[in-house]
């Protein structure tokens, strides 16, 4: 009896909980890379169950906890992924993605294409969560990368040359800059000045994105042999590598091949060819969810006391609702512009879901793991240790944001928790210094984005990467952004 009491008391020890976390991550990596190559969903489920028991949670509560974690992730992120897949396939089959890819390529050379993609991702990602922004950009990333691959003779580097800048820009915005929800939470919690935070955030963000985006992509892409599977390429471009090679990568050839392939897949060879979608309409279809989420943020900033307006903006600005409305808008607009029939659009939507079903399951598994970590007390134990450390508040905010984001799998959780700890500590500090603390907290929240983050698995599965490839790209890029953000925040603090 005394031994059992001692064991139970150990489950509340911060040291013990940290050991559980480390062992859980080690077990997850082992199961996925073991000779059996366990599917990530099964591996995440297994590790979640083991971690819950090891953390001392009552057996009877574990099934409910896992189901709640999986359902919570699927109920939000999963819906966004499915709606995004439908929008992406519709843009591909209608030829709209081709028009966007033409726009990027026509205004850039192979050397400047990663920089153009960085700017596009930076603009589109302003009001979006990381995963949502990447879902919206996925068809463009694939289409541009495929054409550059074909034009260069398939060196298998361009997918990363285009993807990495997008990851860098989206993750930087996700953590550092208002009006993104995470930084807005920190601005409000610490009483920072929004305009000052945006200005200082841009000074930190721009060089961070440049280093972690185009420059790192140029370094790492030749060192990773990556070409997504045929189904993924077909999903987002409407064509195949072989067909693109036969057409020598020209915009016209790829567009015609995409249309022919779409007709063949749907049994619609006898239907008339689709009309060319205007470039401006293609761009509008991509920006609809961006605008809807930006409206919510602007209303919260400009009219926070107008309850009805805030409520309405909150509904249409919710990521799942915004993506849903974007799908409806694109279906109507592209059907008129391209001549797609209702039955063809319906088949396009149906064909889009199969390729992301595995991604959705992995997101559910990640939700289980996150729920167990949050409910085990690991975050509280770490806060108890780090909040008593005597160090620079910018560094302390970054460290707490980093640890809690890593432990919980949520950048937002890291930001909220770090904000609560730092709020009483920065009272009376210069406004610019408080803004730099906001930036540091947000930077820390996106570092070491690894196996317990939904974004990690989404990038991995969406490009057919191995665990090692995803670590060298997605996790490393976000960690570079985080360290660069901290570095520039500390440098700026010398002058405020």
Protein backbone atom coordinates (compact mmCIF):
# COMPACT_ATOMS: atom_id res chain seq x y z
CA UNK A 1 0.00 0.00 0.00
CA UNK A 2 2.79 2.39 0.88
CA UNK A 3 4.55 1.50 -2.37
CA UNK A 4 1.40 2.28 -4.38
CA UNK A 5 1.05 5.65 -2.65
CA UNK A 6 4.69 6.39 -3.46
CA UNK A 7 4.18 5.48 -7.13
CA UNK A 8 1.14 7.74 -7.36
CA UNK A 9 3.04 10.60 -5.76
CA UNK A 10 5.81 10.19 -8.34
CA UNK A 11 3.36 10.85 -11.19
CA UNK A 12 3.00 14.41 -9.90
CA UNK A 13 6.76 15.01 -9.85
CA UNK A 14 7.96 17.43 -12.57
CA UNK A 15 11.06 15.29 -13.12
CA UNK A 16 8.97 12.16 -13.60
CA UNK A 17 6.61 13.89 -16.03
CA UNK A 18 9.54 15.14 -18.09
CA UNK A 19 10.88 11.59 -18.23
CA UNK A 20 7.47 10.39 -19.44
CA UNK A 21 7.51 13.03 -22.17
CA UNK A 22 11.00 12.09 -23.32
CA UNK A 23 10.22 8.37 -23.31
CA UNK A 24 6.95 8.95 -25.20
CA UNK A 25 8.66 10.86 -27.99
CA UNK A 26 11.44 8.25 -28.16
CA UNK A 27 8.84 5.47 -28.39
CA UNK A 28 6.97 7.32 -31.13
CA UNK A 29 10.12 7.76 -33.22
CA UNK A 30 11.03 4.10 -32.63
CA UNK A 31 7.64 2.75 -33.72
CA UNK A 32 7.54 4.83 -36.90
CA UNK A 33 11.11 3.96 -37.90
CA UNK A 34 11.11 0.36 -36.67
CA UNK A 35 11.24 -2.49 -39.19
CA UNK A 36 7.47 -2.72 -39.08
CA UNK A 37 7.25 0.96 -40.15
CA UNK A 38 4.08 1.40 -38.10
CA UNK A 39 1.59 3.87 -39.58
CA UNK A 40 1.88 7.23 -37.77
CA UNK A 41 -1.77 7.12 -36.72
CA UNK A 42 -1.33 3.74 -35.01
CA UNK A 43 1.99 4.84 -33.52
CA UNK A 44 0.48 8.05 -32.13
CA UNK A 45 -2.47 6.12 -30.68
CA UNK A 46 -0.16 3.59 -29.02
CA UNK A 47 2.11 6.27 -27.57
CA UNK A 48 -0.86 8.33 -26.36
CA UNK A 49 -2.29 5.35 -24.47
CA UNK A 50 1.06 4.41 -22.93
CA UNK A 51 1.85 8.02 -21.94
CA UNK A 52 -1.55 8.47 -20.30
CA UNK A 53 -1.09 5.35 -18.18
CA UNK A 54 2.50 6.23 -17.33
CA UNK A 55 1.47 9.73 -16.25
CA UNK A 56 -0.83 8.19 -13.65
CA UNK A 57 -4.16 9.02 -15.27
CA UNK A 58 -7.09 6.80 -14.17
CA UNK A 59 -7.57 3.87 -16.55
CA UNK A 60 -11.27 4.54 -16.97
CA UNK A 61 -10.64 8.07 -18.20
CA UNK A 62 -8.03 7.20 -20.83
CA UNK A 63 -10.41 6.07 -23.63
CA UNK A 64 -12.58 9.17 -23.18
CA UNK A 65 -9.47 11.36 -23.18
CA UNK A 66 -8.14 9.85 -26.42
CA UNK A 67 -11.50 10.13 -28.17
CA UNK A 68 -11.88 13.72 -27.06
CA UNK A 69 -8.40 14.56 -28.30
CA UNK A 70 -8.93 12.92 -31.68
CA UNK A 71 -12.39 14.45 -32.10
CA UNK A 72 -11.17 17.91 -31.17
CA UNK A 73 -8.46 17.84 -33.83
CA UNK A 74 -10.69 16.38 -36.52
CA UNK A 75 -13.51 18.75 -35.65
CA UNK A 76 -11.37 21.75 -36.50
CA UNK A 77 -8.13 21.01 -38.31
CA UNK A 78 -9.59 17.96 -40.05
CA UNK A 79 -12.45 19.98 -41.53
CA UNK A 80 -10.02 22.61 -42.76
CA UNK A 81 -7.89 19.93 -44.42
CA UNK A 82 -10.88 18.34 -46.17
CA UNK A 83 -12.29 21.66 -47.36
CA UNK A 84 -8.82 22.67 -48.46
CA UNK A 85 -8.43 19.46 -50.45
CA UNK A 86 -11.75 20.08 -52.18
CA UNK A 87 -10.78 23.65 -53.01
CA UNK A 88 -7.34 22.60 -54.22
CA UNK A 89 -8.67 19.84 -56.50
CA UNK A 90 -11.31 22.17 -57.92
CA UNK A 91 -8.67 24.81 -58.64
CA UNK A 92 -6.52 22.16 -60.33
CA UNK A 93 -9.24 20.53 -62.45
CA UNK A 94 -10.67 23.86 -63.59
CA UNK A 95 -7.25 25.15 -64.70
CA UNK A 96 -7.22 27.93 -62.08
CA UNK A 97 -4.04 26.61 -60.46
CA UNK A 98 -2.33 26.73 -63.80
CA UNK A 99 -3.18 30.39 -64.13
CA UNK A 100 -1.73 31.11 -60.68
CA UNK A 101 1.41 29.15 -61.49
CA UNK A 102 1.71 31.09 -64.75
CA UNK A 103 1.46 34.33 -62.78
CA UNK A 104 4.28 33.35 -60.43
CA UNK A 105 6.53 32.02 -63.19
CA UNK A 106 5.86 34.86 -65.64
CA UNK A 107 7.00 37.36 -63.02
CA UNK A 108 10.03 35.42 -61.90
CA UNK A 109 12.95 33.33 -63.08
CA UNK A 110 14.00 30.00 -61.55
CA UNK A 111 16.37 32.00 -59.32
CA UNK A 112 13.68 34.39 -58.12
CA UNK A 113 10.73 31.96 -57.91
CA UNK A 114 11.45 31.03 -54.25
CA UNK A 115 11.52 34.74 -53.39
CA UNK A 116 8.23 35.37 -55.17
CA UNK A 117 6.67 32.43 -53.32
CA UNK A 118 7.98 33.88 -50.05
CA UNK A 119 6.21 37.17 -50.75
CA UNK A 120 2.97 35.42 -51.78
CA UNK A 121 2.99 33.22 -48.66
CA UNK A 122 3.74 36.25 -46.47
CA UNK A 123 0.69 38.10 -47.81
CA UNK A 124 -1.69 35.16 -47.75
CA UNK A 125 -0.56 34.04 -44.29
CA UNK A 126 -1.27 37.34 -42.51
CA UNK A 127 -4.59 36.31 -40.93
CA UNK A 128 -4.21 32.51 -41.20
CA UNK A 129 -3.13 29.70 -38.95
CA UNK A 130 -0.13 27.86 -40.38
CA UNK A 131 -2.02 24.78 -41.56
CA UNK A 132 -4.78 26.83 -43.19
CA UNK A 133 -2.35 28.99 -45.12
CA UNK A 134 -0.42 25.96 -46.33
CA UNK A 135 -3.64 24.26 -47.44
CA UNK A 136 -4.55 27.31 -49.52
CA UNK A 137 -1.05 27.55 -51.04
CA UNK A 138 -0.58 23.82 -51.66
CA UNK A 139 -1.91 23.76 -55.25
CA UNK A 140 0.27 26.73 -56.22
CA UNK A 141 3.37 25.21 -54.57
CA UNK A 142 2.86 21.94 -56.44
CA UNK A 143 2.08 23.53 -59.78
CA UNK A 144 5.04 25.94 -59.73
CA UNK A 145 7.45 23.27 -58.45
CA UNK A 146 6.35 20.76 -61.11
CA UNK A 147 6.91 23.21 -63.93
CA UNK A 148 10.32 24.23 -62.64
CA UNK A 149 11.25 20.57 -62.13
CA UNK A 150 10.31 19.78 -65.71
CA UNK A 151 12.09 22.81 -67.10
CA UNK A 152 15.28 21.90 -65.19
CA UNK A 153 15.20 18.22 -66.13
CA UNK A 154 13.82 16.87 -62.85
CA UNK A 155 16.71 17.41 -60.42
CA UNK A 156 14.19 16.77 -57.60
CA UNK A 157 15.01 19.96 -55.74
CA UNK A 158 12.27 22.38 -56.70
CA UNK A 159 9.53 21.04 -54.43
CA UNK A 160 11.65 22.00 -51.43
CA UNK A 161 12.90 25.20 -53.07
CA UNK A 162 9.28 26.37 -53.30
CA UNK A 163 7.84 24.73 -50.17
CA UNK A 164 10.44 25.87 -47.62
CA UNK A 165 9.98 29.63 -48.23
CA UNK A 166 6.23 29.15 -47.78
CA UNK A 167 6.76 27.31 -44.48
CA UNK A 168 9.12 30.04 -43.27
CA UNK A 169 6.74 32.89 -44.11
CA UNK A 170 3.61 31.21 -42.74
CA UNK A 171 5.22 30.07 -39.50
CA UNK A 172 6.79 33.47 -38.90
CA UNK A 173 3.43 35.19 -39.23
CA UNK A 174 1.81 32.50 -37.11
CA UNK A 175 4.03 33.38 -34.19
CA UNK A 176 5.34 36.93 -34.49
CA UNK A 177 2.97 39.40 -36.05
CA UNK A 178 -0.46 40.81 -35.28
CA UNK A 179 -3.14 40.63 -36.55
CA UNK A 180 -2.55 36.89 -36.28
CA UNK A 181 -4.51 35.46 -33.33
CA UNK A 182 -1.49 34.22 -31.34
CA UNK A 183 0.40 37.51 -31.25
CA UNK A 184 -2.87 39.38 -30.65
CA UNK A 185 -3.39 37.28 -27.52
CA UNK A 186 0.09 38.25 -26.32
CA UNK A 187 -0.43 41.92 -27.21
CA UNK A 188 -3.64 42.07 -25.20
CA UNK A 189 -2.29 40.02 -22.28
CA UNK A 190 0.87 42.08 -21.89
CA UNK A 191 -0.74 45.42 -22.69
CA UNK A 192 1.56 46.01 -25.67
CA UNK A 193 1.00 48.58 -28.40
CA UNK A 194 -0.31 46.83 -31.52
CA UNK A 195 1.18 49.21 -34.07
CA UNK A 196 4.58 49.21 -32.38
CA UNK A 197 4.52 45.42 -32.17
CA UNK A 198 3.77 45.15 -35.90
CA UNK A 199 6.58 47.54 -36.77
CA UNK A 200 9.17 45.83 -34.59
CA UNK A 201 7.81 42.45 -35.64
CA UNK A 202 8.44 43.23 -39.30
CA UNK A 203 12.02 44.21 -38.51
CA UNK A 204 12.47 40.80 -36.86
CA UNK A 205 10.35 38.82 -39.32
CA UNK A 206 11.78 39.87 -42.68
CA UNK A 207 15.40 38.76 -42.10
CA UNK A 208 14.16 35.66 -40.25
CA UNK A 209 12.06 34.57 -43.22
CA UNK A 210 14.87 35.31 -45.68
CA UNK A 211 17.37 33.15 -43.78
CA UNK A 212 14.99 30.29 -42.97
CA UNK A 213 13.20 30.46 -46.34
CA UNK A 214 14.97 30.99 -49.68
CA UNK A 215 18.52 30.81 -48.28
CA UNK A 216 18.01 27.63 -46.27
CA UNK A 217 16.03 26.09 -49.14
CA UNK A 218 18.94 26.68 -51.49
CA UNK A 219 21.24 24.90 -49.01
CA UNK A 220 19.10 21.90 -48.05
CA UNK A 221 17.17 21.12 -51.27
CA UNK A 222 20.14 19.55 -53.15
CA UNK A 223 20.81 17.38 -50.11
CA UNK A 224 17.34 15.79 -49.97
CA UNK A 225 16.05 13.68 -52.85
CA UNK A 226 12.33 14.44 -52.73
CA UNK A 227 9.59 13.98 -55.26
CA UNK A 228 6.01 13.53 -53.98
CA UNK A 229 4.01 10.50 -55.06
CA UNK A 230 2.04 10.43 -58.29
CA UNK A 231 -1.31 10.68 -56.49
CA UNK A 232 -0.23 13.83 -54.64
CA UNK A 233 1.08 15.46 -57.82
CA UNK A 234 -2.12 14.57 -59.64
CA UNK A 235 -4.20 15.83 -56.71
CA UNK A 236 -2.74 19.32 -56.73
CA UNK A 237 -1.73 19.89 -60.35
CA UNK A 238 -4.24 17.92 -62.39
CA UNK A 239 -1.48 16.20 -64.37
CA UNK A 240 1.42 13.74 -64.03
CA UNK A 241 5.19 14.07 -64.18
CA UNK A 242 5.34 12.01 -67.36
CA UNK A 243 2.72 14.13 -69.06
CA UNK A 244 4.45 17.30 -67.94
CA UNK A 245 7.79 16.03 -69.28
CA UNK A 246 6.19 15.14 -72.60
CA UNK A 247 4.81 18.67 -72.82
CA UNK A 248 8.24 20.10 -71.87
CA UNK A 249 6.73 22.04 -68.98
CA UNK A 250 4.97 24.73 -71.00
CA UNK A 251 2.01 26.41 -69.40
CA UNK A 252 -0.26 25.61 -72.34
CA UNK A 253 0.78 21.96 -72.51
CA UNK A 254 0.34 21.37 -68.81
CA UNK A 255 -3.01 23.10 -68.79
CA UNK A 256 -4.33 21.07 -71.70
CA UNK A 257 -2.96 17.86 -70.22
CA UNK A 258 -4.61 18.66 -66.89
CA UNK A 259 -7.94 19.17 -68.59
CA UNK A 260 -7.63 16.00 -70.66
CA UNK A 261 -6.64 13.98 -67.61
CA UNK A 262 -9.51 15.36 -65.57
CA UNK A 263 -11.98 14.51 -68.32
CA UNK A 264 -10.58 11.00 -68.61
CA UNK A 265 -10.70 10.39 -64.85
CA UNK A 266 -14.33 11.47 -64.70
CA UNK A 267 -15.43 9.66 -67.83
CA UNK A 268 -16.18 12.93 -69.57
CA UNK A 269 -14.18 12.62 -72.80
CA UNK A 270 -17.18 13.68 -74.85
CA UNK A 271 -17.75 16.94 -73.00
CA UNK A 272 -16.54 20.19 -74.46
CA UNK A 273 -13.10 21.44 -73.32
CA UNK A 274 -13.15 23.81 -70.38
CA UNK A 275 -12.76 27.52 -70.95
CA UNK A 276 -9.70 29.37 -69.66
CA UNK A 277 -10.23 30.75 -66.16
CA UNK A 278 -9.24 34.43 -65.81
CA UNK A 279 -6.12 34.93 -63.72
CA UNK A 280 -7.84 37.48 -61.50
CA UNK A 281 -10.62 35.01 -60.66
CA UNK A 282 -8.09 32.29 -59.81
CA UNK A 283 -6.43 34.70 -57.41
CA UNK A 284 -9.76 35.70 -55.88
CA UNK A 285 -10.68 32.05 -55.24
CA UNK A 286 -7.46 31.59 -53.27
CA UNK A 287 -7.92 34.83 -51.33
CA UNK A 288 -11.54 34.33 -50.24
CA UNK A 289 -10.63 32.49 -47.00
CA UNK A 290 -7.80 34.98 -46.41
CA UNK A 291 -10.17 37.93 -46.65
CA UNK A 292 -12.79 36.31 -44.43
CA UNK A 293 -10.29 35.61 -41.66
CA UNK A 294 -8.75 39.05 -42.05
CA UNK A 295 -12.21 40.62 -41.63
CA UNK A 296 -12.56 38.91 -38.25
CA UNK A 297 -9.18 40.22 -37.10
CA UNK A 298 -9.83 43.75 -38.33
CA UNK A 299 -13.23 43.87 -36.62
CA UNK A 300 -11.67 42.74 -33.34
CA UNK A 301 -9.05 45.46 -33.64
CA UNK A 302 -11.20 48.33 -34.93
CA UNK A 303 -14.64 47.65 -33.43
CA UNK A 304 -14.17 45.43 -30.38
CA UNK A 305 -17.22 46.91 -28.62
CA UNK A 306 -19.68 46.17 -31.43
CA UNK A 307 -20.89 42.81 -30.17
CA UNK A 308 -23.08 41.89 -33.15
CA UNK A 309 -20.39 42.74 -35.67
CA UNK A 310 -17.73 40.90 -33.67
CA UNK A 311 -20.00 37.85 -33.43
CA UNK A 312 -20.74 37.84 -37.17
CA UNK A 313 -17.09 38.34 -38.08
CA UNK A 314 -16.14 35.55 -35.68
CA UNK A 315 -18.43 33.13 -37.50
CA UNK A 316 -17.27 33.87 -41.05
CA UNK A 317 -13.67 34.23 -39.91
CA UNK A 318 -13.49 30.82 -38.27
CA UNK A 319 -10.98 28.79 -40.36
CA UNK A 320 -13.38 25.91 -41.01
CA UNK A 321 -16.25 28.23 -41.95
CA UNK A 322 -14.00 30.42 -44.09
CA UNK A 323 -12.73 27.40 -46.02
CA UNK A 324 -16.29 26.10 -46.41
CA UNK A 325 -17.49 29.42 -47.83
CA UNK A 326 -14.42 29.53 -50.09
CA UNK A 327 -15.30 26.12 -51.51
CA UNK A 328 -18.87 27.23 -52.24
CA UNK A 329 -17.69 30.48 -53.85
CA UNK A 330 -15.11 28.69 -56.00
CA UNK A 331 -17.63 26.06 -57.11
CA UNK A 332 -20.06 28.72 -58.34
CA UNK A 333 -17.48 31.10 -59.80
CA UNK A 334 -15.38 28.48 -61.56
CA UNK A 335 -18.39 26.65 -62.93
CA UNK A 336 -19.43 29.81 -64.77
CA UNK A 337 -15.90 30.80 -65.77
CA UNK A 338 -14.64 27.40 -66.97
CA UNK A 339 -17.90 25.75 -68.00
CA UNK A 340 -17.59 22.89 -65.49
CA UNK A 341 -20.90 21.10 -65.02
CA UNK A 342 -22.39 20.35 -61.63
CA UNK A 343 -21.74 16.63 -61.99
CA UNK A 344 -18.12 17.25 -62.91
CA UNK A 345 -17.63 19.46 -59.86
CA UNK A 346 -19.24 16.86 -57.63
CA UNK A 347 -16.90 14.17 -58.96
CA UNK A 348 -13.95 16.49 -58.47
CA UNK A 349 -14.90 16.97 -54.83
CA UNK A 350 -15.30 13.23 -54.32
CA UNK A 351 -11.94 12.48 -55.91
CA UNK A 352 -10.22 15.05 -53.70
CA UNK A 353 -10.96 13.37 -50.37
CA UNK A 354 -9.15 10.06 -50.78
CA UNK A 355 -5.65 11.52 -50.84
CA UNK A 356 -6.10 13.40 -47.54
CA UNK A 357 -7.86 10.67 -45.55
CA UNK A 358 -4.53 9.44 -44.19
CA UNK A 359 -3.54 12.98 -43.26
CA UNK A 360 -6.78 13.41 -41.33
CA UNK A 361 -6.16 10.20 -39.37
CA UNK A 362 -2.68 11.36 -38.44
CA UNK A 363 -4.09 14.70 -37.30
CA UNK A 364 -6.51 12.75 -35.09
CA UNK A 365 -3.60 10.76 -33.65
CA UNK A 366 -1.73 13.96 -32.98
CA UNK A 367 -4.82 15.27 -31.21
CA UNK A 368 -4.76 12.25 -28.89
CA UNK A 369 -1.11 12.80 -28.06
CA UNK A 370 -1.61 16.51 -27.46
CA UNK A 371 -4.59 15.88 -25.17
CA UNK A 372 -2.62 13.42 -23.06
CA UNK A 373 0.30 15.84 -22.73
CA UNK A 374 -1.97 18.72 -21.74
CA UNK A 375 -3.89 16.64 -19.21
CA UNK A 376 -0.82 15.07 -17.62
CA UNK A 377 0.41 18.23 -15.91
CA UNK A 378 3.66 18.48 -17.88
CA UNK A 379 3.00 22.08 -18.88
CA UNK A 380 2.22 23.17 -15.32
CA UNK A 381 5.36 21.50 -14.02
CA UNK A 382 7.55 23.26 -16.56
CA UNK A 383 5.94 26.62 -15.86
CA UNK A 384 6.60 26.12 -12.16
CA UNK A 385 10.30 25.59 -12.87
CA UNK A 386 10.92 28.26 -15.54
CA UNK A 387 8.90 31.06 -13.94
CA UNK A 388 11.40 31.24 -11.05
CA UNK A 389 14.43 31.56 -13.29
CA UNK A 390 16.31 34.87 -13.05
CA UNK A 391 16.90 35.88 -16.66
CA UNK A 392 16.12 38.43 -19.35
CA UNK A 393 12.34 38.61 -19.85
CA UNK A 394 12.70 38.38 -23.63
CA UNK A 395 14.72 35.18 -23.26
CA UNK A 396 12.40 33.87 -20.53
CA UNK A 397 9.31 34.45 -22.69
CA UNK A 398 10.96 32.72 -25.64
CA UNK A 399 12.02 29.77 -23.48
CA UNK A 400 8.59 29.24 -21.91
CA UNK A 401 6.86 29.57 -25.29
CA UNK A 402 9.30 27.05 -26.76
CA UNK A 403 8.95 24.44 -24.02
CA UNK A 404 5.18 24.60 -23.72
CA UNK A 405 4.63 24.59 -27.47
CA UNK A 406 6.89 21.58 -27.80
CA UNK A 407 5.20 19.75 -24.92
CA UNK A 408 1.60 20.48 -25.90
CA UNK A 409 1.86 20.51 -29.68
CA UNK A 410 0.21 23.93 -29.86
CA UNK A 411 1.87 27.27 -30.55
CA UNK A 412 -1.22 29.01 -29.23
CA UNK A 413 -0.96 27.16 -25.90
CA UNK A 414 2.68 28.21 -25.65
CA UNK A 415 1.79 31.85 -26.32
CA UNK A 416 -1.14 31.94 -23.88
CA UNK A 417 0.81 30.29 -21.07
CA UNK A 418 3.93 32.39 -21.52
CA UNK A 419 1.80 35.55 -21.67
CA UNK A 420 0.18 34.70 -18.35
CA UNK A 421 3.56 34.21 -16.71
CA UNK A 422 5.22 37.33 -18.15
CA UNK A 423 2.24 39.72 -17.74
CA UNK A 424 2.99 40.72 -14.13
CA UNK A 425 6.72 40.86 -14.82
CA UNK A 426 6.65 43.45 -17.63
CA UNK A 427 4.41 45.98 -15.88
CA UNK A 428 6.04 49.39 -16.10
CA UNK A 429 8.49 48.35 -18.82
CA UNK A 430 8.99 50.62 -21.89
CA UNK A 431 6.33 49.95 -24.59
CA UNK A 432 8.95 48.90 -27.15
CA UNK A 433 10.42 46.37 -24.70
CA UNK A 434 6.99 44.88 -24.01
CA UNK A 435 6.43 44.54 -27.78
CA UNK A 436 9.75 42.70 -28.07
CA UNK A 437 8.62 40.31 -25.33
CA UNK A 438 5.49 39.63 -27.42
CA UNK A 439 7.67 38.87 -30.45
CA UNK A 440 9.97 36.62 -28.40
CA UNK A 441 7.07 34.63 -26.97
CA UNK A 442 5.60 34.13 -30.43
CA UNK A 443 8.98 33.15 -31.86
CA UNK A 444 9.48 30.56 -29.17
CA UNK A 445 6.06 29.08 -29.78
CA UNK A 446 7.02 27.93 -33.29
CA UNK A 447 10.40 26.39 -32.48
CA UNK A 448 10.99 22.61 -32.43
CA UNK A 449 7.68 21.99 -34.18
CA UNK A 450 8.04 18.25 -34.31
CA UNK A 451 6.12 14.97 -33.97
CA UNK A 452 3.40 16.21 -31.61
CA UNK A 453 2.41 19.11 -33.87
CA UNK A 454 -0.33 18.65 -36.45
CA UNK A 455 1.55 20.92 -38.88
CA UNK A 456 4.57 18.60 -38.87
CA UNK A 457 2.49 15.60 -39.91
CA UNK A 458 0.51 17.61 -42.43
CA UNK A 459 3.67 18.74 -44.23
CA UNK A 460 5.21 15.27 -44.00
CA UNK A 461 2.24 13.44 -45.47
CA UNK A 462 1.30 16.13 -48.00
CA UNK A 463 4.71 15.81 -49.68
CA UNK A 464 5.37 12.12 -49.04
CA UNK A 465 8.38 12.79 -46.80
CA UNK A 466 10.13 10.43 -44.44
CA UNK A 467 10.35 11.40 -40.77
CA UNK A 468 13.95 12.46 -41.28
CA UNK A 469 13.14 14.59 -44.33
CA UNK A 470 10.32 16.35 -42.49
CA UNK A 471 12.65 17.00 -39.56
CA UNK A 472 15.33 18.51 -41.81
CA UNK A 473 12.77 20.71 -43.55
CA UNK A 474 9.64 21.61 -41.60
CA UNK A 475 11.01 21.43 -38.04
CA UNK A 476 14.36 22.96 -38.94
CA UNK A 477 12.81 25.84 -40.88
CA UNK A 478 10.48 26.78 -38.04
CA UNK A 479 13.27 26.48 -35.49
CA UNK A 480 15.49 28.75 -37.61
CA UNK A 481 12.69 31.31 -37.71
CA UNK A 482 12.32 31.04 -33.93
CA UNK A 483 16.03 31.53 -33.18
CA UNK A 484 16.32 34.39 -35.66
CA UNK A 485 13.28 36.06 -34.08
CA UNK A 486 14.86 35.76 -30.62
CA UNK A 487 18.19 37.08 -31.89
CA UNK A 488 16.71 40.19 -33.47
CA UNK A 489 14.44 40.82 -30.47
CA UNK A 490 17.47 40.75 -28.18
CA UNK A 491 19.44 43.04 -30.52
CA UNK A 492 16.60 45.54 -30.71
CA UNK A 493 16.24 45.49 -26.91
CA UNK A 494 19.69 47.10 -26.71
CA UNK A 495 18.26 50.26 -28.25
CA UNK A 496 14.97 50.60 -26.34
